[in-house]
PDB file of N, CA and C in Angstrom:
ATOM      1  N   MET A   1     106.822  89.402  96.540  1.00  0.00           N
ATOM      2  CA  MET A   1     106.671  90.732  97.088  1.00  0.00           C
ATOM      3  C   MET A   1     106.715  90.641  98.604  1.00  0.00           C
ATOM      4  N   ASN A   2     107.497  91.472  99.209  1.00  0.00           N
ATOM      5  CA  ASN A   2     107.661  91.463 100.653  1.00  0.00           C
ATOM      6  C   ASN A   2     106.562  92.288 101.305  1.00  0.00           C
ATOM      7  N   SER A   3     105.529  91.648 101.815  1.00  0.00           N
ATOM      8  CA  SER A   3     104.394  92.363 102.394  1.00  0.00           C
ATOM      9  C   SER A   3     104.710  92.965 103.753  1.00  0.00           C
ATOM     10  N   ARG A   4     105.886  92.699 104.308  1.00  0.00           N
ATOM     11  CA  ARG A   4     106.246  93.255 105.611  1.00  0.00           C
ATOM     12  C   ARG A   4     106.916  94.616 105.498  1.00  0.00           C
ATOM     13  N   SER A   5     107.183  95.067 104.298  1.00  0.00           N
ATOM     14  CA  SER A   5     107.852  96.347 104.112  1.00  0.00           C
ATOM     15  C   SER A   5     106.955  97.485 104.576  1.00  0.00           C
ATOM     16  N   LYS A   6     107.532  98.481 105.236  1.00  0.00           N
ATOM     17  CA  LYS A   6     106.791  99.643 105.711  1.00  0.00           C
ATOM     18  C   LYS A   6     106.928 100.828 104.764  1.00  0.00           C
ATOM     19  N   ARG A   7     107.790 100.729 103.763  1.00  0.00           N
ATOM     20  CA  ARG A   7     107.987 101.826 102.835  1.00  0.00           C
ATOM     21  C   ARG A   7     106.792 101.969 101.913  1.00  0.00           C
ATOM     22  N   ALA A   8     106.433 103.234 101.594  1.00  0.00           N
ATOM     23  CA  ALA A   8     105.342 103.470 100.653  1.00  0.00           C
ATOM     24  C   ALA A   8     105.788 103.149  99.234  1.00  0.00           C
ATOM     25  N   ILE A   9     107.001 103.560  98.868  1.00  0.00           N
ATOM     26  CA  ILE A   9     107.528 103.311  97.523  1.00  0.00           C
ATOM     27  C   ILE A   9     108.971 102.856  97.647  1.00  0.00           C
ATOM     28  N   SER A  10     109.324 101.847  96.880  1.00  0.00           N
ATOM     29  CA  SER A  10     110.695 101.350  96.851  1.00  0.00           C
ATOM     30  C   SER A  10     111.077 101.099  95.401  1.00  0.00           C
ATOM     31  N   ILE A  11     112.201 101.654  94.963  1.00  0.00           N
ATOM     32  CA  ILE A  11     112.656 101.482  93.590  1.00  0.00           C
ATOM     33  C   ILE A  11     114.023 100.825  93.607  1.00  0.00           C
ATOM     34  N   ARG A  12     114.165  99.781  92.832  1.00  0.00           N
ATOM     35  CA  ARG A  12     115.444  99.078  92.720  1.00  0.00           C
ATOM     36  C   ARG A  12     116.148  99.581  91.467  1.00  0.00           C
ATOM     37  N   TYR A  13     117.295 100.156  91.640  1.00  0.00           N
ATOM     38  CA  TYR A  13     118.046 100.657  90.499  1.00  0.00           C
ATOM     39  C   TYR A  13     118.875  99.537  89.905  1.00  0.00           C
ATOM     40  N   GLY A  14     119.043  99.555  88.621  1.00  0.00           N
ATOM     41  CA  GLY A  14     119.814  98.511  87.963  1.00  0.00           C
ATOM     42  C   GLY A  14     119.178  98.173  86.641  1.00  0.00           C
ATOM     43  N   PRO A  15     118.767  96.911  86.450  1.00  0.00           N
ATOM     44  CA  PRO A  15     118.200  96.525  85.158  1.00  0.00           C
ATOM     45  C   PRO A  15     116.938  97.335  84.853  1.00  0.00           C
ATOM     46  N   ARG A  16     116.773  97.670  83.602  1.00  0.00           N
ATOM     47  CA  ARG A  16     115.622  98.463  83.203  1.00  0.00           C
ATOM     48  C   ARG A  16     114.611  97.599  82.481  1.00  0.00           C
ATOM     49  N   PHE A  17     113.462  98.197  82.246  1.00  0.00           N
ATOM     50  CA  PHE A  17     112.446  97.532  81.448  1.00  0.00           C
ATOM     51  C   PHE A  17     112.871  97.636  79.988  1.00  0.00           C
ATOM     52  N   ARG A  18     112.883  96.530  79.286  1.00  0.00           N
ATOM     53  CA  ARG A  18     113.316  96.550  77.884  1.00  0.00           C
ATOM     54  C   ARG A  18     112.134  96.390  76.943  1.00  0.00           C
ATOM     55  N   ASP A  19     111.553  95.224  76.927  1.00  0.00           N
ATOM     56  CA  ASP A  19     110.488  94.948  75.968  1.00  0.00           C
ATOM     57  C   ASP A  19     109.107  94.915  76.599  1.00  0.00           C
ATOM     58  N   GLY A  20     109.030  95.038  77.881  1.00  0.00           N
ATOM     59  CA  GLY A  20     107.728  94.967  78.516  1.00  0.00           C
ATOM     60  C   GLY A  20     107.819  95.145  80.015  1.00  0.00           C
ATOM     61  N   MET A  21     106.665  95.156  80.628  1.00  0.00           N
ATOM     62  CA  MET A  21     106.573  95.349  82.063  1.00  0.00           C
ATOM     63  C   MET A  21     105.449  94.465  82.584  1.00  0.00           C
ATOM     64  N   ASN A  22     105.716  93.783  83.671  1.00  0.00           N
ATOM     65  CA  ASN A  22     104.694  92.978  84.332  1.00  0.00           C
ATOM     66  C   ASN A  22     104.145  93.758  85.512  1.00  0.00           C
ATOM     67  N   VAL A  23     102.832  93.730  85.689  1.00  0.00           N
ATOM     68  CA  VAL A  23     102.173  94.350  86.834  1.00  0.00           C
ATOM     69  C   VAL A  23     101.795  93.228  87.777  1.00  0.00           C
ATOM     70  N   ASN A  24     102.234  93.334  89.019  1.00  0.00           N
ATOM     71  CA  ASN A  24     101.991  92.302  90.028  1.00  0.00           C
ATOM     72  C   ASN A  24     101.203  92.909  91.182  1.00  0.00           C
ATOM     73  N   LEU A  25     100.107  92.273  91.570  1.00  0.00           N
ATOM     74  CA  LEU A  25      99.298  92.730  92.690  1.00  0.00           C
ATOM     75  C   LEU A  25      99.348  91.709  93.811  1.00  0.00           C
ATOM     76  N   SER A  26      99.328  92.182  95.041  1.00  0.00           N
ATOM     77  CA  SER A  26      99.272  91.260  96.176  1.00  0.00           C
ATOM     78  C   SER A  26      97.935  90.518  96.136  1.00  0.00           C
ATOM     79  N   PRO A  27      97.863  89.322  96.715  1.00  0.00           N
ATOM     80  CA  PRO A  27      96.638  88.517  96.649  1.00  0.00           C
ATOM     81  C   PRO A  27      95.403  89.207  97.232  1.00  0.00           C
ATOM     82  N   ASN A  28      95.584  90.098  98.196  1.00  0.00           N
ATOM     83  CA  ASN A  28      94.429  90.763  98.795  1.00  0.00           C
ATOM     84  C   ASN A  28      94.032  92.045  98.063  1.00  0.00           C
ATOM     85  N   SER A  29      94.735  92.413  96.995  1.00  0.00           N
ATOM     86  CA  SER A  29      94.342  93.547  96.156  1.00  0.00           C
ATOM     87  C   SER A  29      93.247  93.086  95.206  1.00  0.00           C
ATOM     88  N   GLN A  30      92.388  94.039  94.788  1.00  0.00           N
ATOM     89  CA  GLN A  30      91.272  93.681  93.923  1.00  0.00           C
ATOM     90  C   GLN A  30      91.077  94.760  92.863  1.00  0.00           C
ATOM     91  N   ILE A  31      90.995  94.352  91.601  1.00  0.00           N
ATOM     92  CA  ILE A  31      90.664  95.268  90.513  1.00  0.00           C
ATOM     93  C   ILE A  31      89.145  95.372  90.450  1.00  0.00           C
ATOM     94  N   THR A  32      88.638  96.610  90.484  1.00  0.00           N
ATOM     95  CA  THR A  32      87.186  96.817  90.481  1.00  0.00           C
ATOM     96  C   THR A  32      86.655  97.292  89.137  1.00  0.00           C
ATOM     97  N   GLU A  33      87.524  97.897  88.298  1.00  0.00           N
ATOM     98  CA  GLU A  33      87.069  98.403  87.000  1.00  0.00           C
ATOM     99  C   GLU A  33      88.264  98.496  86.051  1.00  0.00           C
ATOM    100  N   TYR A  34      88.057  98.082  84.808  1.00  0.00           N
ATOM    101  CA  TYR A  34      89.080  98.241  83.779  1.00  0.00           C
ATOM    102  C   TYR A  34      88.795  99.507  82.985  1.00  0.00           C
ATOM    103  N   LEU A  35      89.849 100.192  82.557  1.00  0.00           N
ATOM    104  CA  LEU A  35      89.734 101.448  81.826  1.00  0.00           C
ATOM    105  C   LEU A  35      90.465 101.333  80.502  1.00  0.00           C
ATOM    106  N   GLN A  36      89.889 101.910  79.448  1.00  0.00           N
ATOM    107  CA  GLN A  36      90.563 101.907  78.155  1.00  0.00           C
ATOM    108  C   GLN A  36      90.088 103.105  77.350  1.00  0.00           C
ATOM    109  N   GLY A  37      91.041 103.804  76.756  1.00  0.00           N
ATOM    110  CA  GLY A  37      90.758 104.923  75.872  1.00  0.00           C
ATOM    111  C   GLY A  37      91.602 104.790  74.629  1.00  0.00           C
ATOM    112  N   GLU A  38      91.595 105.821  73.812  1.00  0.00           N
ATOM    113  CA  GLU A  38      92.338 105.785  72.557  1.00  0.00           C
ATOM    114  C   GLU A  38      93.835 105.598  72.769  1.00  0.00           C
ATOM    115  N   ASN A  39      94.385 106.214  73.813  1.00  0.00           N
ATOM    116  CA  ASN A  39      95.834 106.141  74.035  1.00  0.00           C
ATOM    117  C   ASN A  39      96.200 105.737  75.470  1.00  0.00           C
ATOM    118  N   TYR A  40      95.296 105.083  76.153  1.00  0.00           N
ATOM    119  CA  TYR A  40      95.611 104.603  77.502  1.00  0.00           C
ATOM    120  C   TYR A  40      94.841 103.322  77.806  1.00  0.00           C
ATOM    121  N   LYS A  41      95.383 102.553  78.731  1.00  0.00           N
ATOM    122  CA  LYS A  41      94.727 101.388  79.319  1.00  0.00           C
ATOM    123  C   LYS A  41      95.056 101.413  80.804  1.00  0.00           C
ATOM    124  N   GLY A  42      94.192 100.843  81.596  1.00  0.00           N
ATOM    125  CA  GLY A  42      94.470 100.810  83.017  1.00  0.00           C
ATOM    126  C   GLY A  42      93.349 100.167  83.799  1.00  0.00           C
ATOM    127  N   PHE A  43      93.347 100.452  85.091  1.00  0.00           N
ATOM    128  CA  PHE A  43      92.329  99.892  85.969  1.00  0.00           C
ATOM    129  C   PHE A  43      92.206 100.722  87.234  1.00  0.00           C
ATOM    130  N   ILE A  44      91.086 100.520  87.897  1.00  0.00           N
ATOM    131  CA  ILE A  44      90.857 101.068  89.234  1.00  0.00           C
ATOM    132  C   ILE A  44      90.792  99.868  90.162  1.00  0.00           C
ATOM    133  N   GLY A  45      91.423  99.967  91.307  1.00  0.00           N
ATOM    134  CA  GLY A  45      91.384  98.849  92.226  1.00  0.00           C
ATOM    135  C   GLY A  45      91.639  99.266  93.651  1.00  0.00           C
ATOM    136  N   ASN A  46      91.262  98.381  94.541  1.00  0.00           N
ATOM    137  CA  ASN A  46      91.586  98.549  95.948  1.00  0.00           C
ATOM    138  C   ASN A  46      92.892  97.794  96.151  1.00  0.00           C
ATOM    139  N   LEU A  47      93.975  98.555  96.282  1.00  0.00           N
ATOM    140  CA  LEU A  47      95.311  97.955  96.274  1.00  0.00           C
ATOM    141  C   LEU A  47      95.948  97.965  97.655  1.00  0.00           C
ATOM    142  N   PHE A  48      96.654  96.890  97.928  1.00  0.00           N
ATOM    143  CA  PHE A  48      97.474  96.810  99.124  1.00  0.00           C
ATOM    144  C   PHE A  48      98.947  96.940  98.729  1.00  0.00           C
ATOM    145  N   ARG A  49      99.343  96.183  97.733  1.00  0.00           N
ATOM    146  CA  ARG A  49     100.738  96.242  97.267  1.00  0.00           C
ATOM    147  C   ARG A  49     100.752  95.970  95.771  1.00  0.00           C
ATOM    148  N   ILE A  50     101.537  96.767  95.061  1.00  0.00           N
ATOM    149  CA  ILE A  50     101.687  96.600  93.617  1.00  0.00           C
ATOM    150  C   ILE A  50     103.167  96.681  93.290  1.00  0.00           C
ATOM    151  N   SER A  51     103.599  95.888  92.340  1.00  0.00           N
ATOM    152  CA  SER A  51     104.987  95.990  91.892  1.00  0.00           C
ATOM    153  C   SER A  51     105.013  95.886  90.375  1.00  0.00           C
ATOM    154  N   PHE A  52     106.101  96.384  89.812  1.00  0.00           N
ATOM    155  CA  PHE A  52     106.337  96.312  88.380  1.00  0.00           C
ATOM    156  C   PHE A  52     107.650  95.574  88.186  1.00  0.00           C
ATOM    157  N   SER A  53     107.620  94.529  87.362  1.00  0.00           N
ATOM    158  CA  SER A  53     108.821  93.733  87.148  1.00  0.00           C
ATOM    159  C   SER A  53     109.141  93.680  85.657  1.00  0.00           C
ATOM    160  N   ASN A  54     110.404  93.377  85.373  1.00  0.00           N
ATOM    161  CA  ASN A  54     110.854  93.317  83.977  1.00  0.00           C
ATOM    162  C   ASN A  54     110.633  91.921  83.415  1.00  0.00           C
ATOM    163  N   GLU A  55     111.123  91.707  82.193  1.00  0.00           N
ATOM    164  CA  GLU A  55     110.909  90.429  81.514  1.00  0.00           C
ATOM    165  C   GLU A  55     111.618  89.268  82.201  1.00  0.00           C
ATOM    166  N   ARG A  56     112.575  89.564  83.079  1.00  0.00           N
ATOM    167  CA  ARG A  56     113.255  88.511  83.847  1.00  0.00           C
ATOM    168  C   ARG A  56     112.604  88.304  85.221  1.00  0.00           C
ATOM    169  N   ASN A  57     111.435  88.918  85.387  1.00  0.00           N
ATOM    170  CA  ASN A  57     110.672  88.858  86.634  1.00  0.00           C
ATOM    171  C   ASN A  57     111.433  89.445  87.822  1.00  0.00           C
ATOM    172  N   GLN A  58     112.279  90.427  87.552  1.00  0.00           N
ATOM    173  CA  GLN A  58     112.957  91.163  88.617  1.00  0.00           C
ATOM    174  C   GLN A  58     112.076  92.346  88.982  1.00  0.00           C
ATOM    175  N   HIS A  59     111.640  92.394  90.230  1.00  0.00           N
ATOM    176  CA  HIS A  59     110.779  93.480  90.691  1.00  0.00           C
ATOM    177  C   HIS A  59     111.613  94.760  90.787  1.00  0.00           C
ATOM    178  N   ILE A  60     111.211  95.772  90.021  1.00  0.00           N
ATOM    179  CA  ILE A  60     111.961  97.027  89.956  1.00  0.00           C
ATOM    180  C   ILE A  60     111.316  98.097  90.826  1.00  0.00           C
ATOM    181  N   ILE A  61     109.996  98.179  90.816  1.00  0.00           N
ATOM    182  CA  ILE A  61     109.280  99.212  91.574  1.00  0.00           C
ATOM    183  C   ILE A  61     108.238  98.527  92.453  1.00  0.00           C
ATOM    184  N   PHE A  62     108.203  98.892  93.736  1.00  0.00           N
ATOM    185  CA  PHE A  62     107.204  98.414  94.687  1.00  0.00           C
ATOM    186  C   PHE A  62     106.452  99.613  95.253  1.00  0.00           C
ATOM    187  N   MET A  63     105.152  99.464  95.441  1.00  0.00           N
ATOM    188  CA  MET A  63     104.358 100.510  96.095  1.00  0.00           C
ATOM    189  C   MET A  63     103.381  99.861  97.054  1.00  0.00           C
ATOM    190  N   ASN A  64     103.302 100.417  98.251  1.00  0.00           N
ATOM    191  CA  ASN A  64     102.344  99.977  99.264  1.00  0.00           C
ATOM    192  C   ASN A  64     101.213 100.987  99.338  1.00  0.00           C
ATOM    193  N   TYR A  65      99.985 100.512  99.301  1.00  0.00           N
ATOM    194  CA  TYR A  65      98.824 101.398  99.422  1.00  0.00           C
ATOM    195  C   TYR A  65      97.935 101.033 100.603  1.00  0.00           C
ATOM    196  N   TRP A  66      98.139  99.918 101.243  1.00  0.00           N
ATOM    197  CA  TRP A  66      97.427  99.520 102.446  1.00  0.00           C
ATOM    198  C   TRP A  66      95.913  99.623 102.314  1.00  0.00           C
ATOM    199  N   GLY A  67      95.365  99.123 101.201  1.00  0.00           N
ATOM    200  CA  GLY A  67      93.918  99.062 101.040  1.00  0.00           C
ATOM    201  C   GLY A  67      93.278 100.325 100.495  1.00  0.00           C
ATOM    202  N   GLN A  68      94.010 101.138  99.763  1.00  0.00           N
ATOM    203  CA  GLN A  68      93.451 102.360  99.189  1.00  0.00           C
ATOM    204  C   GLN A  68      92.964 102.115  97.768  1.00  0.00           C
ATOM    205  N   ASP A  69      91.964 102.894  97.354  1.00  0.00           N
ATOM    206  CA  ASP A  69      91.527 102.864  95.968  1.00  0.00           C
ATOM    207  C   ASP A  69      92.526 103.651  95.133  1.00  0.00           C
ATOM    208  N   VAL A  70      92.941 103.056  94.008  1.00  0.00           N
ATOM    209  CA  VAL A  70      93.994 103.638  93.169  1.00  0.00           C
ATOM    210  C   VAL A  70      93.605 103.487  91.700  1.00  0.00           C
ATOM    211  N   ILE A  71      93.885 104.530  90.911  1.00  0.00           N
ATOM    212  CA  ILE A  71      93.783 104.436  89.457  1.00  0.00           C
ATOM    213  C   ILE A  71      95.191 104.193  88.936  1.00  0.00           C
ATOM    214  N   VAL A  72      95.342 103.188  88.091  1.00  0.00           N
ATOM    215  CA  VAL A  72      96.624 102.867  87.454  1.00  0.00           C
ATOM    216  C   VAL A  72      96.403 102.964  85.948  1.00  0.00           C
ATOM    217  N   LEU A  73      97.159 103.869  85.292  1.00  0.00           N
ATOM    218  CA  LEU A  73      97.009 104.072  83.856  1.00  0.00           C
ATOM    219  C   LEU A  73      98.344 103.945  83.150  1.00  0.00           C
ATOM    220  N   PHE A  74      98.320 103.312  82.000  1.00  0.00           N
ATOM    221  CA  PHE A  74      99.472 103.243  81.099  1.00  0.00           C
ATOM    222  C   PHE A  74      99.094 104.097  79.895  1.00  0.00           C
ATOM    223  N   TYR A  75      99.822 105.183  79.684  1.00  0.00           N
ATOM    224  CA  TYR A  75      99.446 106.222  78.730  1.00  0.00           C
ATOM    225  C   TYR A  75     100.573 106.442  77.728  1.00  0.00           C
ATOM    226  N   ILE A  76     100.224 106.532  76.453  1.00  0.00           N
ATOM    227  CA  ILE A  76     101.210 106.808  75.405  1.00  0.00           C
ATOM    228  C   ILE A  76     100.843 108.117  74.728  1.00  0.00           C
ATOM    229  N   LYS A  77     101.807 109.026  74.641  1.00  0.00           N
ATOM    230  CA  LYS A  77     101.607 110.331  74.000  1.00  0.00           C
ATOM    231  C   LYS A  77     102.873 110.679  73.230  1.00  0.00           C
ATOM    232  N   ASP A  78     102.725 110.975  71.951  1.00  0.00           N
ATOM    233  CA  ASP A  78     103.853 111.343  71.096  1.00  0.00           C
ATOM    234  C   ASP A  78     104.980 110.315  71.156  1.00  0.00           C
ATOM    235  N   GLY A  79     104.624 109.036  71.192  1.00  0.00           N
ATOM    236  CA  GLY A  79     105.617 107.969  71.209  1.00  0.00           C
ATOM    237  C   GLY A  79     106.297 107.766  72.554  1.00  0.00           C
ATOM    238  N   ARG A  80     105.856 108.460  73.583  1.00  0.00           N
ATOM    239  CA  ARG A  80     106.439 108.321  74.928  1.00  0.00           C
ATOM    240  C   ARG A  80     105.458 107.598  75.835  1.00  0.00           C
ATOM    241  N   PHE A  81     105.994 106.831  76.768  1.00  0.00           N
ATOM    242  CA  PHE A  81     105.206 106.004  77.675  1.00  0.00           C
ATOM    243  C   PHE A  81     105.177 106.645  79.056  1.00  0.00           C
ATOM    244  N   PHE A  82     103.993 106.707  79.652  1.00  0.00           N
ATOM    245  CA  PHE A  82     103.830 107.262  80.992  1.00  0.00           C
ATOM    246  C   PHE A  82     103.034 106.297  81.853  1.00  0.00           C
ATOM    247  N   LEU A  83     103.429 106.171  83.100  1.00  0.00           N
ATOM    248  CA  LEU A  83     102.668 105.438  84.103  1.00  0.00           C
ATOM    249  C   LEU A  83     102.054 106.485  85.021  1.00  0.00           C
ATOM    250  N   ILE A  84     100.732 106.495  85.107  1.00  0.00           N
ATOM    251  CA  ILE A  84     100.020 107.459  85.950  1.00  0.00           C
ATOM    252  C   ILE A  84      99.304 106.681  87.043  1.00  0.00           C
ATOM    253  N   MET A  85      99.532 107.075  88.296  1.00  0.00           N
ATOM    254  CA  MET A  85      98.856 106.438  89.425  1.00  0.00           C
ATOM    255  C   MET A  85      98.239 107.530  90.284  1.00  0.00           C
ATOM    256  N   ILE A  86      96.953 107.386  90.576  1.00  0.00           N
ATOM    257  CA  ILE A  86      96.219 108.396  91.333  1.00  0.00           C
ATOM    258  C   ILE A  86      95.552 107.736  92.529  1.00  0.00           C
ATOM    259  N   HIS A  87      95.731 108.336  93.692  1.00  0.00           N
ATOM    260  CA  HIS A  87      94.993 107.911  94.876  1.00  0.00           C
ATOM    261  C   HIS A  87      94.765 109.139  95.758  1.00  0.00           C
ATOM    262  N   CYS A  88      93.818 109.052  96.642  1.00  0.00           N
ATOM    263  CA  CYS A  88      93.500 110.158  97.535  1.00  0.00           C
ATOM    264  C   CYS A  88      93.771 109.708  98.964  1.00  0.00           C
ATOM    265  N   VAL A  89      94.730 110.362  99.599  1.00  0.00           N
ATOM    266  CA  VAL A  89      95.150 109.939 100.935  1.00  0.00           C
ATOM    267  C   VAL A  89      94.061 110.164 101.974  1.00  0.00           C
ATOM    268  N   ASP A  90      93.407 111.310 101.932  1.00  0.00           N
ATOM    269  CA  ASP A  90      92.447 111.634 102.989  1.00  0.00           C
ATOM    270  C   ASP A  90      91.002 111.282 102.639  1.00  0.00           C
ATOM    271  N   GLY A  91      90.764 110.727 101.467  1.00  0.00           N
ATOM    272  CA  GLY A  91      89.425 110.311 101.088  1.00  0.00           C
ATOM    273  C   GLY A  91      88.484 111.437 100.707  1.00  0.00           C
ATOM    274  N   VAL A  92      89.009 112.646 100.505  1.00  0.00           N
ATOM    275  CA  VAL A  92      88.162 113.788 100.163  1.00  0.00           C
ATOM    276  C   VAL A  92      87.549 113.624  98.778  1.00  0.00           C
ATOM    277  N   LEU A  93      88.341 113.151  97.825  1.00  0.00           N
ATOM    278  CA  LEU A  93      87.859 112.927  96.463  1.00  0.00           C
ATOM    279  C   LEU A  93      87.611 111.445  96.233  1.00  0.00           C
ATOM    280  N   PRO A  94      86.510 111.114  95.566  1.00  0.00           N
ATOM    281  CA  PRO A  94      86.320 109.711  95.211  1.00  0.00           C
ATOM    282  C   PRO A  94      87.306 109.324  94.106  1.00  0.00           C
ATOM    283  N   VAL A  95      87.867 108.158  94.215  1.00  0.00           N
ATOM    284  CA  VAL A  95      88.788 107.661  93.186  1.00  0.00           C
ATOM    285  C   VAL A  95      87.951 106.816  92.233  1.00  0.00           C
ATOM    286  N   ASP A  96      87.527 107.453  91.132  1.00  0.00           N
ATOM    287  CA  ASP A  96      86.720 106.764  90.141  1.00  0.00           C
ATOM    288  C   ASP A  96      87.045 107.288  88.754  1.00  0.00           C
ATOM    289  N   ALA A  97      86.378 106.742  87.750  1.00  0.00           N
ATOM    290  CA  ALA A  97      86.681 107.080  86.358  1.00  0.00           C
ATOM    291  C   ALA A  97      86.433 108.550  86.030  1.00  0.00           C
ATOM    292  N   SER A  98      85.646 109.256  86.832  1.00  0.00           N
ATOM    293  CA  SER A  98      85.409 110.683  86.569  1.00  0.00           C
ATOM    294  C   SER A  98      86.704 111.504  86.668  1.00  0.00           C
ATOM    295  N   LEU A  99      87.693 111.017  87.364  1.00  0.00           N
ATOM    296  CA  LEU A  99      88.979 111.736  87.458  1.00  0.00           C
ATOM    297  C   LEU A  99      89.701 111.766  86.120  1.00  0.00           C
ATOM    298  N   LEU A 100      89.419 110.838  85.224  1.00  0.00           N
ATOM    299  CA  LEU A 100      90.078 110.814  83.927  1.00  0.00           C
ATOM    300  C   LEU A 100      89.772 112.065  83.113  1.00  0.00           C
ATOM    301  N   ASP A 101      88.584 112.644  83.294  1.00  0.00           N
ATOM    302  CA  ASP A 101      88.228 113.861  82.577  1.00  0.00           C
ATOM    303  C   ASP A 101      89.175 115.010  82.908  1.00  0.00           C
ATOM    304  N   LYS A 102      89.680 115.045  84.105  1.00  0.00           N
ATOM    305  CA  LYS A 102      90.581 116.112  84.550  1.00  0.00           C
ATOM    306  C   LYS A 102      91.998 115.970  83.947  1.00  0.00           C
ATOM    307  N   LEU A 103      92.315 114.766  83.464  1.00  0.00           N
ATOM    308  CA  LEU A 103      93.671 114.508  82.938  1.00  0.00           C
ATOM    309  C   LEU A 103      93.848 114.914  81.480  1.00  0.00           C
ATOM    310  N   ASN A 104      92.765 115.055  80.732  1.00  0.00           N
ATOM    311  CA  ASN A 104      92.862 115.431  79.323  1.00  0.00           C
ATOM    312  C   ASN A 104      93.812 114.498  78.560  1.00  0.00           C
ATOM    313  N   LEU A 105      93.515 113.218  78.593  1.00  0.00           N
ATOM    314  CA  LEU A 105      94.412 112.206  78.013  1.00  0.00           C
ATOM    315  C   LEU A 105      94.286 112.034  76.508  1.00  0.00           C
ATOM    316  N   GLU A 106      93.257 112.509  75.906  1.00  0.00           N
ATOM    317  CA  GLU A 106      93.067 112.307  74.463  1.00  0.00           C
ATOM    318  C   GLU A 106      93.909 113.264  73.645  1.00  0.00           C
TER     319      GLU A 106
END
């Protein structure tokens, strides 16, 4: 992962995710809480950089958060897969598990 990038989000078009997805965190990122429900799994963490790579370890999506608290959820509904990421830019709302109630994920 290129930690010198200034872009908030970078997506590489080309190969797609086929059988799975790898979640990669920069060494200075930290997971603070794991989340699991009937149809979702995820975590809350203080993230600097996160990427998603395919089974060939090709990084497809990069996101820079520069030390922000972020909720990352993998959600399945009606056989469809969703990636949900929540963060608060100005710090007005706390980024914690209480935000899951607002999503109505069940």
